[in-house]
Protein backbone atom coordinates (compact mmCIF):
# COMPACT_ATOMS: atom_id res chain seq x y z
CA MET A 1 -30.66 52.17 -72.19
CA LEU A 2 -28.67 55.39 -72.59
CA TYR A 3 -27.51 56.66 -75.97
CA ASP A 4 -24.80 59.29 -76.24
CA ASN A 5 -25.42 61.83 -78.98
CA PRO A 6 -22.32 64.02 -79.22
CA ASP A 7 -23.71 65.89 -82.24
CA ALA A 8 -26.67 67.11 -80.16
CA PHE A 9 -24.58 67.54 -76.98
CA LEU A 10 -26.83 65.24 -74.94
CA ILE A 11 -27.60 61.75 -73.75
CA CYS A 12 -30.90 60.08 -74.65
CA ALA A 13 -32.52 57.98 -71.92
CA PHE A 14 -34.64 56.36 -74.61
CA LYS A 15 -38.30 55.62 -73.98
CA ARG A 16 -40.08 55.16 -77.30
CA ASP A 17 -43.46 56.44 -76.04
CA ASN A 18 -41.90 59.79 -75.01
CA ALA A 19 -39.54 60.24 -77.94
CA LEU A 20 -39.96 63.31 -80.14
CA CYS A 21 -37.64 61.82 -82.78
CA GLU A 22 -40.60 59.71 -83.97
CA PRO A 23 -39.02 56.25 -83.85
CA ASP A 24 -40.77 53.42 -85.69
CA ALA A 25 -43.07 51.13 -83.73
CA GLY A 26 -41.10 48.48 -81.86
CA THR A 27 -37.86 50.42 -82.17
CA THR A 28 -35.47 50.06 -79.24
CA ALA A 29 -33.19 52.99 -80.08
CA PRO A 30 -33.69 56.69 -80.87
CA ARG A 31 -33.23 58.32 -84.24
CA GLN A 32 -30.13 60.14 -83.10
CA TYR A 33 -30.03 62.37 -86.19
CA ALA A 34 -33.57 63.58 -85.36
CA CYS A 35 -33.22 64.76 -81.73
CA GLN A 36 -35.77 67.44 -80.88
CA GLN A 37 -35.37 70.26 -78.38
CA GLY A 38 -37.65 69.67 -75.38
CA CYS A 39 -37.77 65.88 -75.61
CA GLY A 40 -38.30 64.36 -72.18
CA ASN A 41 -35.77 61.64 -72.95
CA THR A 42 -32.80 64.00 -73.10
CA VAL A 43 -30.23 64.53 -70.37
CA ARG A 44 -27.35 67.00 -70.43
CA THR A 45 -24.28 67.00 -68.26
CA ASP A 46 -22.10 69.94 -67.27
CA THR A 47 -19.66 68.73 -69.91
CA HIS A 48 -22.36 69.00 -72.57
CA ALA A 49 -23.08 72.58 -71.45
CA ARG A 50 -19.38 73.47 -71.76
CA GLN A 51 -19.26 71.87 -75.21
CA LEU A 52 -22.31 73.89 -76.28
CA ARG A 53 -20.58 77.11 -75.23
CA LYS A 54 -17.38 76.12 -77.02
CA ARG A 55 -19.35 75.38 -80.21
CA ALA A 56 -21.12 78.75 -79.88
CA ILE A 57 -17.73 80.50 -79.83
CA GLU A 58 -16.62 78.57 -82.93
CA ILE A 59 -19.82 79.53 -84.75
CA GLU A 60 -19.42 83.19 -83.80
CA GLN A 61 -15.91 83.13 -85.26
CA LEU A 62 -17.41 81.83 -88.51
CA ALA A 63 -20.10 84.52 -88.36
CA ALA A 64 -17.48 87.25 -88.10
CA HIS A 65 -16.17 86.25 -91.54
CA SER A 66 -19.52 85.56 -93.22
CA PRO A 67 -21.68 87.87 -95.33
CA GLY A 68 -24.69 89.64 -93.75
CA PRO A 69 -27.56 87.13 -93.76
CA VAL A 70 -25.32 84.11 -93.22
CA GLY A 71 -23.47 85.82 -90.39
CA LYS A 72 -26.76 86.81 -88.77
CA ARG A 73 -28.05 83.22 -88.94
CA LEU A 74 -24.80 81.90 -87.47
CA ARG A 75 -24.99 84.40 -84.58
CA LEU A 76 -28.59 83.33 -83.88
CA THR A 77 -27.46 79.71 -83.79
CA ALA A 78 -24.64 80.57 -81.37
CA ASP A 79 -27.14 82.43 -79.15
CA LYS A 80 -29.46 79.41 -79.19
CA LEU A 81 -26.63 77.07 -78.13
CA ARG A 82 -25.71 79.43 -75.29
CA ALA A 83 -29.35 79.58 -74.16
CA ILE A 84 -29.50 75.78 -74.02
CA ALA A 85 -26.32 75.72 -71.91
CA ASP A 86 -27.72 78.44 -69.64
CA ALA A 87 -30.96 76.49 -69.18
CA HIS A 88 -28.91 73.45 -68.20
CA ASP A 89 -26.95 75.46 -65.65
CA PHE A 90 -30.16 76.92 -64.20
CA THR A 91 -31.90 73.54 -63.81
CA ALA A 92 -28.93 71.22 -63.15
CA GLN A 93 -29.04 68.97 -60.13
CA THR A 94 -26.21 67.06 -58.53
CA ALA A 95 -26.29 63.26 -58.54
CA GLU A 96 -26.57 63.39 -54.76
CA ALA A 97 -29.72 65.53 -54.97
CA LEU A 98 -31.35 62.97 -57.27
CA THR A 99 -30.77 60.02 -54.97
């Protein structure tokens, strides 16, 4: 079963034994609010990567109008989102290559 998580910009191909979101025993769905970076159940599409970059731009715009420490934290978050999108681009495979 696939679960779309637009807040985390990914799809979860849920397998409870691999899940880093620590689902309860017997659970058949992920804790979508608790997605963890590096979980083997996650899949990103090119669209997710584009959305990550768009969100990074929005966050940088907020950072430009925020006081020192808050602005710095927002810029770090934007950089992290861009790095996730870059990692996707570097490792992405076409559907044809997977079949």
